[in-house]
Protein backbone atom coordinates (compact mmCIF):
# COMPACT_ATOMS: atom_id res chain seq x y z
CA MET A 1 35.23 4.79 -7.99
CA GLU A 2 34.85 2.70 -11.14
CA LYS A 3 32.71 4.66 -13.77
CA THR A 4 31.54 2.68 -16.26
CA PHE A 5 29.08 -0.44 -14.87
CA ASP A 6 26.68 -2.79 -16.93
CA LEU A 7 24.00 -1.61 -15.31
CA VAL A 8 23.27 1.65 -12.96
CA VAL A 9 19.98 1.70 -10.98
CA ILE A 10 18.87 5.00 -9.87
CA GLY A 11 16.45 4.45 -6.63
CA GLY A 12 17.25 2.31 -3.68
CA GLY A 13 14.10 0.95 -2.65
CA SER A 14 12.75 -2.42 -2.92
CA GLY A 15 12.91 -2.93 -6.51
CA GLY A 16 15.94 -1.22 -7.33
CA VAL A 17 17.96 -3.24 -4.46
CA ARG A 18 16.28 -6.49 -5.75
CA ALA A 19 17.22 -5.58 -9.23
CA ALA A 20 20.76 -4.58 -8.35
CA ARG A 21 21.54 -7.98 -6.25
CA MET A 22 20.09 -10.11 -8.86
CA ALA A 23 21.76 -8.53 -11.95
CA ALA A 24 25.40 -8.38 -9.48
CA GLY A 25 24.43 -12.08 -8.69
CA PHE A 26 24.30 -13.22 -12.54
CA GLY A 27 27.88 -11.44 -13.10
CA ALA A 28 26.78 -7.99 -14.35
CA ARG A 29 29.25 -4.88 -13.09
CA VAL A 30 26.15 -2.79 -11.20
CA ALA A 31 25.82 0.80 -9.25
CA LEU A 32 23.15 1.73 -7.13
CA VAL A 33 22.02 5.35 -6.81
CA GLU A 34 19.96 6.59 -3.57
CA GLU A 35 19.71 10.31 -2.95
CA PHE A 36 17.83 9.74 0.60
CA ARG A 37 17.83 6.35 2.37
CA TYR A 38 17.89 2.64 1.40
CA GLY A 39 15.07 0.78 1.56
CA GLY A 40 12.69 3.22 -0.40
CA THR A 41 9.09 4.80 0.72
CA CYS A 42 8.16 0.96 2.07
CA VAL A 43 11.10 0.58 4.58
CA ILE A 44 11.47 4.46 5.45
CA ARG A 45 8.41 6.27 5.41
CA GLY A 46 5.41 3.76 4.21
CA CYS A 47 4.35 -0.21 4.77
CA VAL A 48 6.90 -0.65 7.90
CA PRO A 49 6.46 2.39 9.90
CA LYS A 50 2.61 2.11 9.23
CA LYS A 51 2.27 -1.18 10.80
CA LEU A 52 4.12 -0.51 13.47
CA LEU A 53 2.11 2.40 14.29
CA VAL A 54 -1.03 0.38 13.39
CA PHE A 55 0.00 -2.14 15.75
CA ALA A 56 0.61 0.46 18.45
CA SER A 57 -3.30 2.19 17.62
CA ARG A 58 -4.59 -1.49 17.97
CA PHE A 59 -3.55 -2.13 21.67
CA ALA A 60 -6.70 0.15 22.35
CA ASP A 61 -9.13 -2.22 21.33
CA THR A 62 -6.81 -4.68 23.65
CA PHE A 63 -7.00 -3.16 26.91
CA ASP A 64 -11.21 -2.09 25.85
CA ILE A 65 -11.75 -6.11 25.96
CA ALA A 66 -9.38 -6.69 28.52
CA PRO A 67 -11.83 -6.60 31.29
CA SER A 68 -13.89 -9.47 29.92
CA PHE A 69 -10.81 -11.84 30.45
CA GLY A 70 -10.23 -10.84 33.70
CA TRP A 71 -7.76 -8.18 33.22
CA GLN A 72 -7.51 -5.08 34.94
CA VAL A 73 -5.49 -2.20 33.03
CA ASP A 74 -4.06 1.19 33.48
CA ALA A 75 -2.64 2.23 30.18
CA ARG A 76 -0.99 5.66 29.40
CA PHE A 77 0.54 6.07 25.62
CA ASP A 78 3.48 8.53 25.21
CA TRP A 79 4.12 9.23 20.69
CA PRO A 80 7.89 10.47 21.30
CA THR A 81 8.71 6.94 22.91
CA LEU A 82 6.74 5.13 19.93
CA ILE A 83 8.21 7.39 16.89
CA ALA A 84 11.71 7.01 18.38
CA ASN A 85 11.41 3.35 18.50
CA LYS A 86 9.99 2.96 15.10
CA ASP A 87 13.14 5.53 14.03
CA ARG A 88 15.50 2.63 15.39
CA GLU A 89 13.69 -0.51 13.97
CA ILE A 90 14.46 1.60 10.61
CA ASP A 91 17.62 2.48 11.12
CA ARG A 92 18.37 -1.23 11.71
CA LEU A 93 16.58 -2.13 8.37
CA GLU A 94 18.19 0.65 6.36
CA LYS A 95 21.57 -1.06 7.34
CA ILE A 96 20.31 -4.33 6.34
CA TYR A 97 19.95 -3.07 2.71
CA GLY A 98 22.79 -1.33 2.59
CA THR A 99 24.79 -4.92 4.41
CA LEU A 100 22.97 -7.09 1.19
CA LEU A 101 24.06 -4.50 -1.36
CA GLU A 102 27.67 -4.72 0.06
CA ALA A 103 27.58 -8.54 -0.20
CA ALA A 104 26.10 -8.75 -3.60
CA GLY A 105 29.37 -6.28 -4.81
CA VAL A 106 26.89 -3.48 -6.00
CA THR A 107 28.75 -0.20 -5.73
CA ALA A 108 26.40 2.13 -3.70
CA ILE A 109 26.51 5.70 -3.99
CA LYS A 110 25.21 8.11 -1.95
CA ASP A 111 23.75 10.90 -3.96
CA ARG A 112 21.23 12.15 -6.61
CA ALA A 113 21.15 11.37 -10.48
CA THR A 114 20.32 12.53 -13.42
CA ILE A 115 20.51 10.31 -16.57
CA THR A 116 21.85 12.68 -19.43
CA GLY A 117 21.71 10.27 -22.29
CA PRO A 118 21.03 6.69 -23.24
CA ASN A 119 23.75 5.38 -21.55
CA THR A 120 25.04 8.02 -19.18
CA VAL A 121 24.40 9.27 -15.35
CA ARG A 122 25.37 12.27 -14.04
CA LEU A 123 25.96 12.53 -10.26
CA ASP A 124 25.50 15.85 -8.24
CA SER A 125 29.01 15.29 -6.98
CA GLY A 126 30.13 15.77 -10.87
CA ASP A 127 30.80 12.31 -11.52
CA GLU A 128 29.40 10.63 -14.60
CA LEU A 129 28.91 6.70 -15.07
CA HIS A 130 28.81 5.24 -18.18
CA ALA A 131 26.19 1.95 -18.32
CA GLU A 132 24.90 -0.36 -20.63
CA HIS A 133 21.52 -0.42 -19.16
CA ILE A 134 19.83 1.96 -16.58
CA LEU A 135 17.01 1.10 -14.63
CA VAL A 136 15.19 3.86 -12.99
CA ALA A 137 13.42 2.88 -9.59
CA THR A 138 12.59 6.22 -8.03
CA GLY A 139 9.01 5.06 -6.77
CA GLY A 140 6.40 7.88 -6.04
CA THR A 141 5.65 10.66 -4.03
CA PRO A 142 2.64 12.20 -2.15
CA PHE A 143 0.46 14.35 -4.34
CA THR A 144 -0.34 17.48 -2.76
CA PRO A 145 -3.35 19.57 -3.80
CA ALA A 146 -2.94 23.02 -5.51
CA ILE A 147 -4.93 25.23 -2.92
CA GLU A 148 -3.85 28.33 -1.15
CA GLY A 149 -1.65 27.12 2.30
CA ALA A 150 -1.20 23.91 1.03
CA GLU A 151 2.17 24.24 2.90
CA LEU A 152 0.34 24.02 6.21
CA GLY A 153 -0.56 20.24 5.30
CA ILE A 154 1.38 17.09 5.71
CA SER A 155 1.95 14.26 3.97
CA SER A 156 2.39 10.43 5.10
CA ASN A 157 6.08 11.36 5.05
CA GLU A 158 6.08 13.96 7.51
CA ALA A 159 3.15 12.08 9.55
CA PHE A 160 5.89 9.54 10.48
CA HIS A 161 7.98 12.66 12.17
CA LEU A 162 5.55 14.38 14.10
CA GLU A 163 6.88 15.89 17.53
CA GLN A 164 3.36 15.14 19.23
CA LEU A 165 0.23 13.46 18.38
CA PRO A 166 -2.54 15.69 17.13
CA LYS A 167 -5.78 16.18 19.34
CA SER A 168 -7.27 16.83 16.14
CA ILE A 169 -6.79 15.69 12.37
CA LEU A 170 -8.02 16.09 9.29
CA ILE A 171 -7.53 13.60 7.15
CA GLU A 172 -8.32 13.97 3.29
CA GLY A 173 -8.35 11.01 0.86
CA GLY A 174 -9.95 7.87 0.66
CA GLY A 175 -7.38 5.37 -0.14
CA TYR A 176 -5.26 2.99 1.47
CA ILE A 177 -3.35 5.70 2.93
CA ALA A 178 -6.25 7.53 4.01
CA VAL A 179 -7.72 4.96 6.02
CA GLU A 180 -4.99 3.49 7.64
CA PHE A 181 -3.93 6.68 8.87
CA ALA A 182 -7.52 7.45 10.02
CA THR A 183 -7.37 3.98 11.95
CA ILE A 184 -3.57 4.98 13.56
CA PHE A 185 -4.35 8.55 14.46
CA ALA A 186 -8.43 7.12 15.51
CA GLY A 187 -6.88 4.34 18.16
CA LEU A 188 -3.90 6.43 19.57
CA GLY A 189 -6.67 9.10 20.30
CA SER A 190 -6.76 12.02 18.33
CA GLU A 191 -10.05 13.00 17.13
CA VAL A 192 -10.09 12.33 13.44
CA THR A 193 -12.46 14.10 10.71
CA LEU A 194 -12.12 12.14 6.90
CA ILE A 195 -12.63 14.04 4.03
CA TYR A 196 -13.32 12.86 0.64
CA ARG A 197 -14.54 14.19 -2.53
CA ARG A 198 -16.61 10.96 -3.69
CA ASP A 199 -19.39 8.98 -1.83
CA LYS A 200 -17.57 6.44 -0.21
CA ILE A 201 -14.02 5.23 0.93
CA LEU A 202 -11.55 2.65 -0.62
CA ARG A 203 -12.73 2.89 -4.46
CA GLY A 204 -12.12 -0.02 -6.55
CA PHE A 205 -12.53 -2.70 -3.41
CA ASP A 206 -15.54 -4.78 -2.96
CA MET A 207 -18.60 -3.18 -1.87
CA ASP A 208 -19.05 -5.14 1.21
CA VAL A 209 -15.35 -4.73 2.11
CA ARG A 210 -16.13 -0.66 1.93
CA ASP A 211 -19.13 -0.47 4.25
CA CYS A 212 -16.88 -2.84 6.90
CA VAL A 213 -14.44 -0.45 7.12
CA GLU A 214 -16.54 2.23 7.01
CA ASP A 215 -18.47 1.10 10.07
CA GLY A 216 -15.43 0.10 11.79
CA LEU A 217 -14.27 3.39 11.50
CA HIS A 218 -17.12 4.99 12.73
CA GLN A 219 -17.25 2.91 15.53
CA ARG A 220 -13.97 4.43 16.45
CA GLY A 221 -14.91 7.58 16.32
CA VAL A 222 -13.81 8.58 12.88
CA ARG A 223 -16.38 11.34 11.20
CA PHE A 224 -16.87 11.03 7.52
CA ARG A 225 -17.32 13.85 5.16
CA TYR A 226 -18.24 12.89 1.68
CA GLY A 227 -18.97 15.00 -1.59
CA TYR A 228 -16.68 17.88 -0.93
CA HIS A 229 -13.00 18.84 -0.40
CA THR A 230 -10.53 21.40 1.04
CA ALA A 231 -9.85 24.67 -0.59
CA LYS A 232 -7.98 26.55 1.91
CA LEU A 233 -5.85 26.22 4.78
CA ALA A 234 -4.49 29.50 6.81
CA LYS A 235 -3.12 29.40 10.55
CA GLN A 236 -4.69 30.86 13.30
CA ASP A 237 -3.08 32.70 16.21
CA ASP A 238 -3.31 29.49 18.36
CA GLY A 239 -1.60 27.40 16.18
CA LYS A 240 -4.61 25.17 14.92
CA VAL A 241 -5.10 25.16 10.74
CA CYS A 242 -7.99 26.88 9.58
CA VAL A 243 -9.79 24.52 7.13
CA SER A 244 -12.11 26.25 4.23
CA PHE A 245 -14.08 23.51 2.70
CA SER A 246 -15.37 23.56 -0.60
CA ASN A 247 -18.85 23.65 0.31
CA GLY A 248 -18.08 27.24 2.50
CA GLU A 249 -17.48 25.75 5.56
CA GLU A 250 -14.61 26.33 8.03
CA ALA A 251 -13.38 24.56 10.83
CA PRO A 252 -9.95 24.73 12.89
CA PHE A 253 -7.82 21.20 13.48
CA ASP A 254 -4.37 20.51 14.91
CA ALA A 255 -2.85 18.89 11.82
CA VAL A 256 -4.15 18.44 7.96
CA MET A 257 -2.74 15.80 6.42
CA PHE A 258 -3.23 15.23 2.25
CA ALA A 259 -3.66 11.55 1.63
CA THR A 260 -4.89 12.36 -2.21
CA GLY A 261 -2.74 9.82 -3.81
CA ARG A 262 0.96 9.62 -5.07
CA HIS A 263 2.79 10.26 -8.39
CA PRO A 264 5.91 8.76 -10.04
CA ASN A 265 8.71 10.58 -9.11
CA THR A 266 10.32 11.38 -12.12
CA LYS A 267 10.49 15.16 -11.98
CA GLY A 268 14.23 16.14 -12.72
CA LEU A 269 15.72 12.94 -13.77
CA GLY A 270 16.37 13.84 -17.31
CA LEU A 271 14.68 11.31 -18.92
CA GLU A 272 13.65 13.92 -21.83
CA ASN A 273 17.82 13.47 -22.63
CA ALA A 274 17.48 9.94 -23.63
CA GLY A 275 13.75 10.02 -25.45
CA VAL A 276 12.06 8.41 -22.72
CA GLU A 277 8.31 8.58 -22.77
CA CYS A 278 5.93 9.22 -19.83
CA ASP A 279 2.11 9.66 -19.38
CA GLN A 280 0.47 12.93 -18.47
CA THR A 281 0.78 11.64 -14.74
CA GLY A 282 4.77 11.70 -15.46
CA ALA A 283 4.78 7.54 -15.18
CA ILE A 284 7.71 5.91 -16.87
CA VAL A 285 5.53 3.86 -19.91
CA VAL A 286 6.97 0.58 -20.17
CA ASP A 287 6.57 -2.65 -22.24
CA GLU A 288 6.17 -6.16 -20.32
CA TYR A 289 9.98 -6.35 -19.92
CA SER A 290 9.90 -3.01 -17.68
CA ARG A 291 12.03 -1.41 -21.03
CA SER A 292 11.03 1.88 -21.78
CA SER A 293 10.97 3.50 -25.07
CA CYS A 294 14.40 4.29 -25.33
CA PRO A 295 15.96 0.08 -25.63
CA SER A 296 18.70 0.92 -22.93
CA ILE A 297 16.26 2.35 -20.12
CA HIS A 298 13.89 0.28 -18.02
CA ALA A 299 11.94 1.32 -14.66
CA VAL A 300 10.25 -0.67 -12.08
CA GLY A 301 8.09 0.20 -9.36
CA ASP A 302 6.00 3.12 -8.71
CA VAL A 303 7.80 4.93 -11.11
CA THR A 304 5.91 2.98 -14.17
CA GLY A 305 2.40 3.55 -12.81
CA ARG A 306 1.34 -0.38 -12.87
CA ALA A 307 0.25 -1.53 -9.68
CA ALA A 308 1.80 0.68 -6.88
CA LEU A 309 2.81 -2.38 -4.32
CA THR A 310 5.97 -3.23 -2.86
CA PRO A 311 6.11 -6.94 -3.66
CA VAL A 312 5.02 -5.90 -7.28
CA ALA A 313 8.28 -3.60 -7.39
CA ILE A 314 10.16 -6.47 -6.31
CA ARG A 315 9.11 -8.99 -8.96
CA GLU A 316 9.19 -6.46 -11.76
CA GLY A 317 13.31 -5.77 -10.38
CA ALA A 318 13.47 -9.46 -10.19
CA ALA A 319 12.02 -10.21 -13.87
CA PHE A 320 13.91 -7.35 -15.20
CA ALA A 321 17.28 -8.66 -14.14
CA GLN A 322 16.45 -12.29 -15.36
CA THR A 323 15.27 -11.08 -18.57
CA VAL A 324 18.28 -8.72 -19.23
CA PHE A 325 21.23 -10.38 -17.39
CA HIS A 326 20.50 -14.31 -17.13
CA HIS A 327 19.05 -13.80 -20.81
CA THR A 328 15.55 -15.44 -19.56
CA PRO A 329 12.72 -13.28 -20.71
CA THR A 330 10.62 -12.88 -17.50
CA THR A 331 7.08 -11.05 -17.21
CA VAL A 332 5.52 -10.06 -14.05
CA PRO A 333 1.50 -11.39 -13.82
CA TYR A 334 -0.88 -8.47 -12.72
CA ASP A 335 -3.92 -10.24 -12.99
CA LEU A 336 -4.15 -11.39 -9.58
CA ILE A 337 -2.41 -9.51 -6.82
CA PRO A 338 -3.17 -9.76 -3.53
CA THR A 339 -3.34 -7.07 -1.16
CA ALA A 340 -4.19 -6.09 2.72
CA VAL A 341 -5.15 -2.40 3.89
CA PHE A 342 -3.99 -2.35 7.75
CA SER A 343 -7.08 -0.21 9.10
CA GLU A 344 -9.47 -1.05 11.54
CA PRO A 345 -11.38 -3.97 10.92
CA GLU A 346 -7.98 -5.20 8.72
CA VAL A 347 -8.85 -5.81 5.23
CA GLY A 348 -7.28 -8.82 3.00
CA THR A 349 -8.36 -9.02 -0.62
CA VAL A 350 -8.03 -10.83 -4.08
CA GLY A 351 -9.60 -11.33 -7.42
CA LEU A 352 -12.35 -9.89 -8.51
CA SER A 353 -14.65 -7.67 -6.69
CA GLU A 354 -18.43 -9.01 -6.93
CA GLU A 355 -19.01 -5.79 -9.22
CA ASP A 356 -16.42 -6.79 -11.34
CA ALA A 357 -17.17 -10.72 -11.38
CA ALA A 358 -20.38 -9.72 -12.35
CA SER A 359 -19.66 -7.40 -15.32
CA ARG A 360 -17.41 -10.17 -16.64
CA TYR A 361 -19.40 -13.61 -15.79
CA ARG A 362 -23.00 -14.23 -16.93
CA SER A 363 -23.70 -16.40 -13.74
CA ILE A 364 -21.80 -15.84 -9.77
CA ASP A 365 -22.25 -17.51 -6.64
CA VAL A 366 -21.53 -14.95 -3.87
CA TYR A 367 -20.59 -16.61 -0.30
CA VAL A 368 -20.92 -14.49 2.81
CA ALA A 369 -20.44 -15.41 6.52
CA ARG A 370 -20.80 -12.54 9.12
CA PHE A 371 -20.07 -13.06 12.24
CA ARG A 372 -18.18 -11.51 16.12
CA PRO A 373 -14.44 -12.17 16.09
CA MET A 374 -14.17 -14.84 19.03
CA GLN A 375 -12.00 -12.64 20.61
CA ASN A 376 -14.91 -10.14 21.29
CA THR A 377 -17.55 -12.17 22.46
CA LEU A 378 -16.95 -11.96 26.01
CA SER A 379 -17.64 -8.34 25.96
CA ASP A 380 -19.94 -6.01 24.41
CA ARG A 381 -18.19 -4.99 21.46
CA PRO A 382 -20.58 -5.25 18.28
CA GLU A 383 -17.85 -5.04 15.37
CA LYS A 384 -18.46 -8.31 12.95
CA MET A 385 -16.16 -9.87 11.00
CA MET A 386 -16.87 -10.73 7.16
CA LEU A 387 -15.34 -13.45 4.40
CA LYS A 388 -16.92 -13.59 0.95
CA LEU A 389 -16.02 -16.18 -1.78
CA ILE A 390 -17.30 -14.93 -5.18
CA THR A 391 -17.37 -17.96 -7.57
CA GLU A 392 -18.26 -18.55 -11.44
CA THR A 393 -21.90 -21.09 -11.33
CA ALA A 394 -20.55 -22.99 -14.66
CA SER A 395 -16.81 -23.96 -13.24
CA GLY A 396 -16.87 -23.15 -9.56
CA ARG A 397 -13.71 -21.37 -9.92
CA VAL A 398 -13.20 -19.05 -7.21
CA LEU A 399 -12.87 -15.38 -8.64
CA GLY A 400 -12.36 -13.27 -5.54
CA CYS A 401 -12.18 -13.70 -2.11
CA HIS A 402 -12.56 -10.43 0.82
CA ILE A 403 -12.12 -10.63 3.86
CA ALA A 404 -12.53 -7.64 6.95
CA GLY A 405 -11.60 -8.69 10.28
CA PRO A 406 -8.64 -9.80 12.71
CA GLY A 407 -5.46 -11.52 10.50
CA ALA A 408 -7.13 -10.89 7.12
CA GLY A 409 -3.85 -9.78 5.56
CA GLU A 410 -2.24 -12.92 6.72
CA MET A 411 -5.19 -14.94 5.85
CA ILE A 412 -5.54 -13.22 2.15
CA GLN A 413 -1.99 -14.17 1.40
CA LEU A 414 -2.78 -17.99 1.49
CA VAL A 415 -6.11 -18.10 0.12
CA ALA A 416 -4.20 -16.14 -2.82
CA ILE A 417 -1.87 -19.55 -3.50
CA PRO A 418 -4.82 -21.95 -4.63
CA MET A 419 -6.69 -19.33 -6.50
CA GLY A 420 -3.25 -18.80 -8.54
CA MET A 421 -3.87 -22.42 -9.36
CA GLY A 422 -7.20 -22.28 -10.41
CA ALA A 423 -8.91 -23.52 -7.13
CA THR A 424 -12.91 -23.99 -7.26
CA LYS A 425 -15.16 -23.99 -4.42
CA ALA A 426 -15.35 -27.87 -4.46
CA ASP A 427 -11.19 -27.77 -3.79
CA PHE A 428 -12.04 -25.60 -0.49
CA ASP A 429 -14.87 -27.47 0.27
CA ARG A 430 -12.37 -30.85 0.37
CA THR A 431 -10.43 -28.62 2.97
CA VAL A 432 -10.98 -29.70 6.64
CA ALA A 433 -11.44 -26.80 8.83
CA VAL A 434 -8.79 -25.69 11.64
CA HIS A 435 -11.53 -25.33 14.34
CA PRO A 436 -11.66 -22.65 16.30
CA THR A 437 -10.86 -19.91 13.64
CA ALA A 438 -11.94 -17.32 11.78
CA ALA A 439 -10.30 -18.92 8.45
CA GLU A 440 -12.41 -22.16 9.01
CA GLU A 441 -15.50 -20.00 7.32
CA LEU A 442 -13.77 -20.24 3.95
CA VAL A 443 -13.88 -23.94 3.82
CA THR A 444 -17.43 -24.34 5.40
CA LEU A 445 -19.70 -22.34 3.51
CA LYS A 446 -22.09 -24.77 2.06
CA ALA A 447 -24.71 -22.87 0.04
CA PRO A 448 -24.57 -19.27 -1.55
CA SER A 449 -25.75 -16.48 -0.09
CA TYR A 450 -26.97 -15.34 -2.92
CA CYS A 451 -26.60 -15.05 -7.44
CA ILE A 452 -26.03 -12.72 -9.66
CA ILE A 453 -27.50 -14.12 -13.37
CA ASP A 454 -26.90 -11.32 -15.95
CA GLY A 455 -26.33 -8.69 -13.87
CA GLU A 456 -29.45 -9.42 -11.51
CA LYS A 457 -29.55 -10.17 -7.91
CA LYS A 458 -31.00 -13.35 -6.98
CA THR A 459 -31.89 -15.27 -3.49
CA ALA A 460 -29.97 -19.06 -3.94
């Protein structure tokens, strides 16, 4: 095996694979080292399998409204079938990643790599690779709280491989992962309790979005426990996990899932051998070109502690390859990143929340539309959809868009395009509506629902 390269990439996730393929396309000799499976967290045990499980959980809602459309449904759910089909799809996708690396001329190595110096990497097999540049793209790993019995809990990694659907599950956390798995398990029939040490889920999102998701999960039977946390786990004789909470209460569950955040996966990488600086969380400190404190070592993706999203890692990997191997300095914009939360209701958001916009601009206009999705109008389902635009009063520029309801993730991707071009409310108003759709509300909002001037909310 060749042991000298222009680039050695450590980590075969989305960011590392994109960087390796592009660098090879620019003529570099590239090796990529991955100790587990190609595709990284997103493909193997993150975004992709999660959304497949979300799809499965949504059938319950579809079956619920089916009679209002004249359908009679006798449906039964089988967890092992879902997991087996999910695993088959993940295997297919991993093979595609391997094929793409091979087609690009990248030397793909299944092994664990440790950095031994600014230009050297040692494999567990004993081989040492030499490279002009090293790219760390090892992603993140779930955080587990340091409590007694923590080993009895699971993370999102293990949730995809449970042998059976738990009848009851406690999920600790309040971010993306917590609310998405609450959606999944509740939709598939589990009794779900979500515990969060703060006072509201989805911290950092627009408050109307947070309220919508909380209400939607309530309607699906999810129980919320705010203001405290798990303190101890213990196995009962019946196989359940007894949870002791920080407020002194106890309760048994079939499963306990920690969704309390993720940490950069830098432990044991040997970064100290090359003088690579990390912050207090373990994230590699990089500049705008993803270069670490060691000039020959770069890092992209979740391991840097920047925006922990797969499309961002891909963009960072591409920018690195452009900068280093195409001699075209390229940076990634972080100021306008659209994102989706695949909860029920689904969330799509881009730009500033109302709270952030009001703190940055003297005067903003807020447009809000709430209505029952058309698919629910023949039934008695009470859920409402919410679409929200936030604009700067003086210029009319759209500062933020937030959607909660069916198709929100698909819609927000398209809204992000005009917002990235500096679109104003007048630009939205000039657009002809597509009827009947939920998205048409974005271009038919006539007058602000209210204004916020110098931090004070006023009726428009």
